[in-house]
C-alpha atoms as a PDB file:
ATOM      1  CA  MET A   1       1.633 -23.594 -11.267  1.00  0.00           C
ATOM      2  CA  MET A   2      -0.131 -20.373 -10.346  1.00  0.00           C
ATOM      3  CA  GLY A   3      -3.782 -20.352 -11.361  1.00  0.00           C
ATOM      4  CA  CYS A   4      -5.372 -17.863 -13.713  1.00  0.00           C
ATOM      5  CA  ASN A   5      -8.021 -16.996 -11.131  1.00  0.00           C
ATOM      6  CA  ARG A   6      -6.048 -16.852  -7.919  1.00  0.00           C
ATOM      7  CA  LEU A   7      -8.796 -14.923  -6.109  1.00  0.00           C
ATOM      8  CA  ASP A   8     -11.819 -16.666  -7.576  1.00  0.00           C
ATOM      9  CA  GLY A   9     -14.855 -15.946  -5.405  1.00  0.00           C
ATOM     10  CA  LYS A  10     -12.955 -13.722  -2.982  1.00  0.00           C
ATOM     11  CA  VAL A  11     -14.425 -10.434  -1.737  1.00  0.00           C
ATOM     12  CA  VAL A  12     -11.966  -7.578  -1.348  1.00  0.00           C
ATOM     13  CA  ILE A  13     -11.916  -4.001  -0.069  1.00  0.00           C
ATOM     14  CA  ILE A  14      -9.140  -1.777  -1.393  1.00  0.00           C
ATOM     15  CA  THR A  15      -8.792   1.636   0.219  1.00  0.00           C
ATOM     16  CA  GLY A  16      -7.279   4.330  -1.929  1.00  0.00           C
ATOM     17  CA  GLY A  17      -8.447   2.222  -4.836  1.00  0.00           C
ATOM     18  CA  ALA A  18      -9.395   4.985  -7.266  1.00  0.00           C
ATOM     19  CA  ARG A  19      -5.901   5.628  -8.618  1.00  0.00           C
ATOM     20  CA  GLY A  20      -2.235   4.685  -8.422  1.00  0.00           C
ATOM     21  CA  ILE A  21      -1.281   1.413  -6.745  1.00  0.00           C
ATOM     22  CA  GLY A  22      -4.849   0.988  -5.560  1.00  0.00           C
ATOM     23  CA  GLU A  23      -6.291   1.214  -9.065  1.00  0.00           C
ATOM     24  CA  ALA A  24      -3.687  -1.200 -10.448  1.00  0.00           C
ATOM     25  CA  THR A  25      -4.575  -3.654  -7.680  1.00  0.00           C
ATOM     26  CA  VAL A  26      -8.304  -3.296  -8.295  1.00  0.00           C
ATOM     27  CA  ARG A  27      -7.792  -4.186 -11.955  1.00  0.00           C
ATOM     28  CA  LEU A  28      -5.528  -7.138 -11.207  1.00  0.00           C
ATOM     29  CA  PHE A  29      -7.710  -8.589  -8.451  1.00  0.00           C
ATOM     30  CA  LEU A  30     -10.775  -8.367 -10.683  1.00  0.00           C
ATOM     31  CA  ALA A  31      -8.854 -10.141 -13.448  1.00  0.00           C
ATOM     32  CA  HIS A  32      -8.200 -12.955 -10.968  1.00  0.00           C
ATOM     33  CA  GLY A  33     -11.861 -13.471 -10.142  1.00  0.00           C
ATOM     34  CA  ALA A  34     -12.394 -11.252  -7.098  1.00  0.00           C
ATOM     35  CA  LYS A  35     -15.297  -8.955  -6.346  1.00  0.00           C
ATOM     36  CA  VAL A  36     -13.777  -5.626  -5.317  1.00  0.00           C
ATOM     37  CA  VAL A  37     -15.097  -2.706  -3.318  1.00  0.00           C
ATOM     38  CA  ILE A  38     -13.169   0.462  -4.094  1.00  0.00           C
ATOM     39  CA  ALA A  39     -13.038   2.747  -1.052  1.00  0.00           C
ATOM     40  CA  ASP A  40     -11.769   6.267  -1.644  1.00  0.00           C
ATOM     41  CA  ILE A  41     -12.540   9.947  -1.186  1.00  0.00           C
ATOM     42  CA  ARG A  42     -12.180  10.723  -4.900  1.00  0.00           C
ATOM     43  CA  ASP A  43     -15.762   9.986  -5.840  1.00  0.00           C
ATOM     44  CA  ASN A  44     -15.549  10.946  -9.510  1.00  0.00           C
ATOM     45  CA  LEU A  45     -12.515   8.729 -10.109  1.00  0.00           C
ATOM     46  CA  GLY A  46     -13.924   5.829  -8.118  1.00  0.00           C
ATOM     47  CA  GLU A  47     -17.343   5.887  -9.751  1.00  0.00           C
ATOM     48  CA  SER A  48     -15.821   6.254 -13.216  1.00  0.00           C
ATOM     49  CA  LEU A  49     -13.546   3.282 -12.570  1.00  0.00           C
ATOM     50  CA  CYS A  50     -16.481   1.137 -11.436  1.00  0.00           C
ATOM     51  CA  HIS A  51     -18.460   2.100 -14.517  1.00  0.00           C
ATOM     52  CA  GLU A  52     -15.524   0.971 -16.663  1.00  0.00           C
ATOM     53  CA  LEU A  53     -14.868  -2.285 -14.825  1.00  0.00           C
ATOM     54  CA  GLY A  54     -18.398  -3.616 -14.559  1.00  0.00           C
ATOM     55  CA  GLU A  55     -20.623  -5.305 -12.004  1.00  0.00           C
ATOM     56  CA  ASP A  56     -17.904  -7.009  -9.969  1.00  0.00           C
ATOM     57  CA  ALA A  57     -16.538  -3.615  -8.884  1.00  0.00           C
ATOM     58  CA  SER A  58     -18.353  -1.337  -6.427  1.00  0.00           C
ATOM     59  CA  TYR A  59     -17.477   2.092  -5.088  1.00  0.00           C
ATOM     60  CA  ILE A  60     -18.073   3.643  -1.695  1.00  0.00           C
ATOM     61  CA  HIS A  61     -16.908   6.970  -0.325  1.00  0.00           C
ATOM     62  CA  CYS A  62     -14.556   6.320   2.580  1.00  0.00           C
ATOM     63  CA  ASP A  63     -12.321   8.701   4.489  1.00  0.00           C
ATOM     64  CA  VAL A  64     -10.102   6.215   6.306  1.00  0.00           C
ATOM     65  CA  THR A  65      -9.534   8.655   9.179  1.00  0.00           C
ATOM     66  CA  ASN A  66     -13.271   8.560   9.905  1.00  0.00           C
ATOM     67  CA  GLU A  67     -14.184   5.408  11.801  1.00  0.00           C
ATOM     68  CA  ASP A  68     -17.837   5.650  10.812  1.00  0.00           C
ATOM     69  CA  ASP A  69     -16.806   5.649   7.141  1.00  0.00           C
ATOM     70  CA  VAL A  70     -14.598   2.609   7.637  1.00  0.00           C
ATOM     71  CA  ARG A  71     -17.292   0.762   9.567  1.00  0.00           C
ATOM     72  CA  LYS A  72     -19.864   1.543   6.879  1.00  0.00           C
ATOM     73  CA  THR A  73     -17.485   0.357   4.148  1.00  0.00           C
ATOM     74  CA  VAL A  74     -17.027  -3.028   5.794  1.00  0.00           C
ATOM     75  CA  ASP A  75     -20.733  -3.349   6.552  1.00  0.00           C
ATOM     76  CA  PHE A  76     -21.646  -2.372   2.973  1.00  0.00           C
ATOM     77  CA  THR A  77     -19.309  -5.050   1.639  1.00  0.00           C
ATOM     78  CA  VAL A  78     -20.658  -7.804   3.884  1.00  0.00           C
ATOM     79  CA  GLU A  79     -24.261  -6.823   3.189  1.00  0.00           C
ATOM     80  CA  LYS A  80     -23.682  -6.855  -0.578  1.00  0.00           C
ATOM     81  CA  TYR A  81     -21.461  -9.920  -0.926  1.00  0.00           C
ATOM     82  CA  GLY A  82     -22.056 -11.845   2.294  1.00  0.00           C
ATOM     83  CA  LYS A  83     -18.455 -11.815   3.477  1.00  0.00           C
ATOM     84  CA  LEU A  84     -15.066 -10.082   3.444  1.00  0.00           C
ATOM     85  CA  ASP A  85     -12.023 -12.167   2.548  1.00  0.00           C
ATOM     86  CA  ILE A  86      -9.323  -9.541   1.940  1.00  0.00           C
ATOM     87  CA  MET A  87      -8.868  -6.053   3.356  1.00  0.00           C
ATOM     88  CA  TYR A  88      -6.138  -4.102   1.568  1.00  0.00           C
ATOM     89  CA  ASN A  89      -5.356  -0.923   3.519  1.00  0.00           C
ATOM     90  CA  ASN A  90      -3.657   0.958   0.716  1.00  0.00           C
ATOM     91  CA  ALA A  91      -4.843   4.556   1.215  1.00  0.00           C
ATOM     92  CA  GLY A  92      -1.962   6.905   1.948  1.00  0.00           C
ATOM     93  CA  THR A  93      -0.791  10.467   1.826  1.00  0.00           C
ATOM     94  CA  LEU A  94       2.456  12.389   1.986  1.00  0.00           C
ATOM     95  CA  ASP A  95       3.446  15.886   2.988  1.00  0.00           C
ATOM     96  CA  ALA A  96       4.515  18.123   0.140  1.00  0.00           C
ATOM     97  CA  SER A  97       8.283  17.728   0.410  1.00  0.00           C
ATOM     98  CA  ILE A  98      11.130  16.166   2.370  1.00  0.00           C
ATOM     99  CA  ALA A  99      11.111  18.502   5.351  1.00  0.00           C
ATOM    100  CA  GLU A 100      13.915  19.031   7.853  1.00  0.00           C
ATOM    101  CA  ILE A 101      13.010  18.351  11.450  1.00  0.00           C
ATOM    102  CA  LEU A 102      13.115  22.059  12.316  1.00  0.00           C
ATOM    103  CA  ASN A 103      10.545  22.707   9.578  1.00  0.00           C
ATOM    104  CA  THR A 104       8.271  19.788  10.397  1.00  0.00           C
ATOM    105  CA  GLU A 105       4.838  21.110  11.324  1.00  0.00           C
ATOM    106  CA  LYS A 106       2.872  19.306  14.018  1.00  0.00           C
ATOM    107  CA  ALA A 107      -0.433  19.601  12.159  1.00  0.00           C
ATOM    108  CA  VAL A 108       1.044  18.155   8.957  1.00  0.00           C
ATOM    109  CA  PHE A 109       2.760  15.362  10.873  1.00  0.00           C
ATOM    110  CA  GLU A 110      -0.521  14.418  12.547  1.00  0.00           C
ATOM    111  CA  ARG A 111      -2.433  14.559   9.253  1.00  0.00           C
ATOM    112  CA  VAL A 112      -0.061  12.119   7.556  1.00  0.00           C
ATOM    113  CA  LEU A 113      -0.131   9.748  10.524  1.00  0.00           C
ATOM    114  CA  GLY A 114      -3.912  10.049  10.581  1.00  0.00           C
ATOM    115  CA  VAL A 115      -4.257   8.693   7.055  1.00  0.00           C
ATOM    116  CA  ASN A 116      -1.316   6.300   6.832  1.00  0.00           C
ATOM    117  CA  LEU A 117      -1.383   4.804  10.315  1.00  0.00           C
ATOM    118  CA  VAL A 118      -4.675   5.499  12.071  1.00  0.00           C
ATOM    119  CA  GLY A 119      -6.590   4.833   8.854  1.00  0.00           C
ATOM    120  CA  ALA A 120      -4.816   1.496   8.500  1.00  0.00           C
ATOM    121  CA  LEU A 121      -5.591   0.624  12.114  1.00  0.00           C
ATOM    122  CA  LEU A 122      -9.280   1.340  11.588  1.00  0.00           C
ATOM    123  CA  GLY A 123      -9.310  -0.755   8.419  1.00  0.00           C
ATOM    124  CA  ALA A 124      -7.699  -3.682  10.193  1.00  0.00           C
ATOM    125  CA  LYS A 125      -9.988  -3.296  13.201  1.00  0.00           C
ATOM    126  CA  HIS A 126     -13.217  -3.438  11.236  1.00  0.00           C
ATOM    127  CA  ALA A 127     -11.964  -6.133   8.896  1.00  0.00           C
ATOM    128  CA  ALA A 128     -11.096  -8.243  11.932  1.00  0.00           C
ATOM    129  CA  ARG A 129     -14.575  -7.613  13.312  1.00  0.00           C
ATOM    130  CA  VAL A 130     -16.076  -9.685  10.490  1.00  0.00           C
ATOM    131  CA  MET A 131     -13.127 -11.995   9.809  1.00  0.00           C
ATOM    132  CA  ILE A 132     -12.786 -13.341  13.355  1.00  0.00           C
ATOM    133  CA  PRO A 133     -16.240 -15.003  13.354  1.00  0.00           C
ATOM    134  CA  ALA A 134     -15.428 -16.496   9.941  1.00  0.00           C
ATOM    135  CA  SER A 135     -12.084 -17.852  11.246  1.00  0.00           C
ATOM    136  CA  LYS A 136     -10.268 -16.741   8.099  1.00  0.00           C
ATOM    137  CA  GLY A 137      -9.164 -13.670   6.209  1.00  0.00           C
ATOM    138  CA  CYS A 138      -6.279 -11.636   4.883  1.00  0.00           C
ATOM    139  CA  ILE A 139      -5.325  -8.089   5.870  1.00  0.00           C
ATOM    140  CA  LEU A 140      -2.745  -6.182   3.834  1.00  0.00           C
ATOM    141  CA  PHE A 141      -1.061  -2.803   4.189  1.00  0.00           C
ATOM    142  CA  THR A 142       0.949  -0.687   1.770  1.00  0.00           C
ATOM    143  CA  ALA A 143       4.057   0.353   3.665  1.00  0.00           C
ATOM    144  CA  SER A 144       7.274   1.633   2.010  1.00  0.00           C
ATOM    145  CA  VAL A 145      11.036   1.299   1.904  1.00  0.00           C
ATOM    146  CA  ALA A 146      10.781   4.261   4.277  1.00  0.00           C
ATOM    147  CA  SER A 147       9.683   1.715   6.893  1.00  0.00           C
ATOM    148  CA  GLN A 148      13.226   0.325   6.831  1.00  0.00           C
ATOM    149  CA  ILE A 149      15.598   3.200   6.056  1.00  0.00           C
ATOM    150  CA  GLY A 150      15.867   6.872   6.937  1.00  0.00           C
ATOM    151  CA  GLY A 151      16.364   9.787   4.602  1.00  0.00           C
ATOM    152  CA  PHE A 152      14.041   8.496   1.900  1.00  0.00           C
ATOM    153  CA  SER A 153      11.095  10.716   2.758  1.00  0.00           C
ATOM    154  CA  SER A 154       9.694  13.179   5.280  1.00  0.00           C
ATOM    155  CA  TYR A 155       9.582  12.569   9.020  1.00  0.00           C
ATOM    156  CA  ALA A 156       5.826  12.149   8.911  1.00  0.00           C
ATOM    157  CA  TYR A 157       5.849   9.622   6.079  1.00  0.00           C
ATOM    158  CA  SER A 158       8.791   7.632   7.467  1.00  0.00           C
ATOM    159  CA  CYS A 159       7.285   7.465  10.943  1.00  0.00           C
ATOM    160  CA  SER A 160       3.875   6.451   9.629  1.00  0.00           C
ATOM    161  CA  LYS A 161       5.276   3.639   7.506  1.00  0.00           C
ATOM    162  CA  ALA A 162       7.647   2.342  10.181  1.00  0.00           C
ATOM    163  CA  ALA A 163       4.792   2.302  12.675  1.00  0.00           C
ATOM    164  CA  LEU A 164       2.600   0.560  10.097  1.00  0.00           C
ATOM    165  CA  VAL A 165       4.988  -2.389  10.120  1.00  0.00           C
ATOM    166  CA  GLY A 166       4.640  -2.515  13.902  1.00  0.00           C
ATOM    167  CA  LEU A 167       0.870  -2.489  13.517  1.00  0.00           C
ATOM    168  CA  MET A 168       1.090  -5.328  11.019  1.00  0.00           C
ATOM    169  CA  LYS A 169       3.237  -7.447  13.329  1.00  0.00           C
ATOM    170  CA  SER A 170       0.934  -6.879  16.290  1.00  0.00           C
ATOM    171  CA  ALA A 171      -2.142  -7.760  14.239  1.00  0.00           C
ATOM    172  CA  ALA A 172      -0.474 -10.848  12.773  1.00  0.00           C
ATOM    173  CA  ALA A 173       0.445 -12.016  16.275  1.00  0.00           C
ATOM    174  CA  GLU A 174      -3.052 -11.537  17.640  1.00  0.00           C
ATOM    175  CA  LEU A 175      -5.144 -12.646  14.686  1.00  0.00           C
ATOM    176  CA  GLY A 176      -3.208 -15.739  13.649  1.00  0.00           C
ATOM    177  CA  ARG A 177      -5.192 -17.901  16.039  1.00  0.00           C
ATOM    178  CA  PHE A 178      -8.318 -16.931  14.116  1.00  0.00           C
ATOM    179  CA  GLY A 179      -6.817 -18.004  10.797  1.00  0.00           C
ATOM    180  CA  ILE A 180      -6.266 -14.405   9.670  1.00  0.00           C
ATOM    181  CA  ARG A 181      -3.043 -13.538   7.855  1.00  0.00           C
ATOM    182  CA  VAL A 182      -1.591 -10.007   8.047  1.00  0.00           C
ATOM    183  CA  ASN A 183       1.223  -8.662   5.846  1.00  0.00           C
ATOM    184  CA  CYS A 184       2.737  -5.519   4.335  1.00  0.00           C
ATOM    185  CA  VAL A 185       3.969  -4.656   0.863  1.00  0.00           C
ATOM    186  CA  SER A 186       6.821  -2.101   0.878  1.00  0.00           C
ATOM    187  CA  PRO A 187       7.545  -0.490  -2.488  1.00  0.00           C
ATOM    188  CA  TYR A 188      10.512   1.522  -3.626  1.00  0.00           C
ATOM    189  CA  GLY A 189       9.364   4.787  -5.213  1.00  0.00           C
ATOM    190  CA  VAL A 190       6.596   4.275  -7.766  1.00  0.00           C
ATOM    191  CA  ALA A 191       5.790   7.052 -10.211  1.00  0.00           C
ATOM    192  CA  THR A 192       2.275   7.817  -8.996  1.00  0.00           C
ATOM    193  CA  HIS A 193       0.853  11.062  -7.633  1.00  0.00           C
ATOM    194  CA  ILE A 194       2.196  10.312  -4.157  1.00  0.00           C
ATOM    195  CA  ALA A 195       5.801   9.835  -5.317  1.00  0.00           C
ATOM    196  CA  ASP A 196       6.089  13.503  -6.206  1.00  0.00           C
ATOM    197  CA  GLY A 197       6.536  14.333  -2.542  1.00  0.00           C
ATOM    198  CA  LEU A 198       9.607  12.115  -2.352  1.00  0.00           C
ATOM    199  CA  LEU A 199      11.561  14.328  -4.752  1.00  0.00           C
ATOM    200  CA  PRO A 200      13.550  17.442  -3.879  1.00  0.00           C
ATOM    201  CA  VAL A 201      12.185  20.756  -5.126  1.00  0.00           C
ATOM    202  CA  GLU A 202      14.901  21.103  -7.763  1.00  0.00           C
ATOM    203  CA  ALA A 203      13.784  17.817  -9.344  1.00  0.00           C
ATOM    204  CA  VAL A 204      10.126  18.665  -9.851  1.00  0.00           C
ATOM    205  CA  ASN A 205      10.559  19.301 -13.571  1.00  0.00           C
ATOM    206  CA  MET A 206      12.308  15.991 -14.178  1.00  0.00           C
ATOM    207  CA  ASP A 207      10.476  12.811 -15.177  1.00  0.00           C
ATOM    208  CA  THR A 208       9.573  11.117 -11.900  1.00  0.00           C
ATOM    209  CA  GLU A 209       9.831   7.588 -13.239  1.00  0.00           C
ATOM    210  CA  ASP A 210      13.218   8.206 -14.881  1.00  0.00           C
ATOM    211  CA  LEU A 211      14.592   9.821 -11.750  1.00  0.00           C
ATOM    212  CA  LEU A 212      13.414   7.055  -9.426  1.00  0.00           C
ATOM    213  CA  SER A 213      14.776   4.403 -11.794  1.00  0.00           C
ATOM    214  CA  LYS A 214      18.131   6.145 -12.069  1.00  0.00           C
ATOM    215  CA  PHE A 215      18.685   6.039  -8.328  1.00  0.00           C
ATOM    216  CA  GLY A 216      17.253   2.572  -7.794  1.00  0.00           C
ATOM    217  CA  ASN A 217      19.491  -0.405  -7.149  1.00  0.00           C
ATOM    218  CA  LEU A 218      18.097  -2.763  -9.786  1.00  0.00           C
ATOM    219  CA  GLN A 219      18.786  -1.279 -13.197  1.00  0.00           C
ATOM    220  CA  GLY A 220      17.083  -2.177 -16.451  1.00  0.00           C
ATOM    221  CA  VAL A 221      13.680  -2.582 -14.790  1.00  0.00           C
ATOM    222  CA  VAL A 222      11.241   0.257 -14.141  1.00  0.00           C
ATOM    223  CA  LEU A 223       9.056  -0.246 -11.077  1.00  0.00           C
ATOM    224  CA  LYS A 224       5.367   0.180 -11.890  1.00  0.00           C
ATOM    225  CA  ALA A 225       2.209   0.265  -9.802  1.00  0.00           C
ATOM    226  CA  GLU A 226       1.334  -3.065 -11.421  1.00  0.00           C
ATOM    227  CA  ASP A 227       4.410  -4.648  -9.807  1.00  0.00           C
ATOM    228  CA  ILE A 228       3.116  -3.716  -6.367  1.00  0.00           C
ATOM    229  CA  ALA A 229      -0.288  -5.087  -7.315  1.00  0.00           C
ATOM    230  CA  GLN A 230       1.364  -8.392  -8.251  1.00  0.00           C
ATOM    231  CA  ALA A 231       3.008  -8.570  -4.815  1.00  0.00           C
ATOM    232  CA  ALA A 232      -0.330  -7.846  -3.151  1.00  0.00           C
ATOM    233  CA  LEU A 233      -1.932 -10.560  -5.286  1.00  0.00           C
ATOM    234  CA  TYR A 234       0.603 -13.101  -4.061  1.00  0.00           C
ATOM    235  CA  LEU A 235       0.043 -12.177  -0.410  1.00  0.00           C
ATOM    236  CA  ALA A 236      -3.735 -12.169  -0.828  1.00  0.00           C
ATOM    237  CA  SER A 237      -3.891 -15.508  -2.620  1.00  0.00           C
ATOM    238  CA  ASP A 238      -3.659 -19.076  -1.374  1.00  0.00           C
ATOM    239  CA  ASP A 239      -0.122 -19.175  -2.771  1.00  0.00           C
ATOM    240  CA  ALA A 240       0.772 -17.351   0.462  1.00  0.00           C
ATOM    241  CA  ARG A 241      -1.557 -19.342   2.702  1.00  0.00           C
ATOM    242  CA  TYR A 242       1.120 -19.760   5.413  1.00  0.00           C
ATOM    243  CA  VAL A 243       2.704 -16.330   5.033  1.00  0.00           C
ATOM    244  CA  SER A 244       1.900 -13.887   7.827  1.00  0.00           C
ATOM    245  CA  GLY A 245       3.725 -11.154   9.717  1.00  0.00           C
ATOM    246  CA  GLN A 246       5.932 -10.297   6.732  1.00  0.00           C
ATOM    247  CA  ASN A 247       6.986  -6.987   5.221  1.00  0.00           C
ATOM    248  CA  LEU A 248       7.546  -7.817   1.551  1.00  0.00           C
ATOM    249  CA  PHE A 249       9.950  -5.341  -0.046  1.00  0.00           C
ATOM    250  CA  VAL A 250       9.423  -4.682  -3.746  1.00  0.00           C
ATOM    251  CA  ASP A 251      12.464  -2.468  -4.068  1.00  0.00           C
ATOM    252  CA  GLY A 252      15.018  -4.155  -6.305  1.00  0.00           C
ATOM    253  CA  GLY A 253      17.324  -4.553  -3.327  1.00  0.00           C
ATOM    254  CA  TYR A 254      17.313  -0.847  -2.500  1.00  0.00           C
ATOM    255  CA  THR A 255      17.014  -1.320   1.263  1.00  0.00           C
ATOM    256  CA  ILE A 256      19.965  -3.725   1.530  1.00  0.00           C
ATOM    257  CA  VAL A 257      22.492  -1.522  -0.251  1.00  0.00           C
ATOM    258  CA  ASN A 258      24.391   1.535   0.939  1.00  0.00           C
ATOM    259  CA  PRO A 259      25.950   2.878  -2.258  1.00  0.00           C
ATOM    260  CA  SER A 260      27.904   5.703  -0.612  1.00  0.00           C
ATOM    261  CA  LEU A 261      31.268   3.898  -0.485  1.00  0.00           C
ATOM    262  CA  ALA A 262      31.044   2.603  -4.055  1.00  0.00           C
ATOM    263  CA  ILE A 263      29.964   6.002  -5.400  1.00  0.00           C
ATOM    264  CA  GLY A 264      32.809   7.743  -3.599  1.00  0.00           C
ATOM    265  CA  PHE A 265      35.327   5.119  -4.694  1.00  0.00           C
ATOM    266  CA  TYR A 266      34.428   5.220  -8.364  1.00  0.00           C
ATOM    267  CA  SER A 267      34.149   9.010  -8.342  1.00  0.00           C
ATOM    268  CA  THR A 268      37.702   9.187  -7.027  1.00  0.00           C
ATOM    269  CA  LEU A 269      38.863   6.910  -9.861  1.00  0.00           C
ATOM    270  CA  GLY A 270      36.887   8.910 -12.386  1.00  0.00           C
ATOM    271  CA  GLN A 271      34.730   5.928 -13.350  1.00  0.00           C
ATOM    272  CA  PRO A 272      30.940   5.914 -13.826  1.00  0.00           C
END
């Protein structure tokens, strides 16, 4: 049976932890006994969250594209708590809309890759720096269903998330001999601030959660940030002690289904 404190005594860094999936994960990990360092660029949100959550939560300003910031975040954590058990590279960004390739701007493309991919690399690098001597650790990334299928998001976002899975596999292959596990969590669209960029312009006035649920594969269940946090909890805990190199989809089967034929068939018959 799963324990009530699945991360008891563990020390965790969560980037992008001030809101959305990151915030949900901070709350859940704390509830399971972890000490959590929230790393984000939204200082007001991060500090307010720490004030609410108490002494087992700390905040540090961290731009994941800045290696000095990432290094300082890891060093701060080790100096304060004596170790780092789990590094959750969750920080991410998205360009404003689903752009066509002819309208994809180089600067925007590079900005998204800078946060989603390079930032994740830096997080893994500096986590490994302190985990390798300890001969244990867990590194997680937030990827996306866009890592598996095309057409779900912009070129920049899709490329960053697909490459993130490659980064995860490479790190899992290298770091396994040091007892370090490396995995990804890949959500379907979650109604957080970042999901807005997944929707076409004509849908901006619709309820994001309702729209994402309508087009999901698994009906009757609404995907929440807390569901992604639960998946991260599993991968971070000893319940997954021999799980490494995996991209865990939390998508209700979205990535295994191509509904085009069924939609066309039933539309022809006039059925819903």
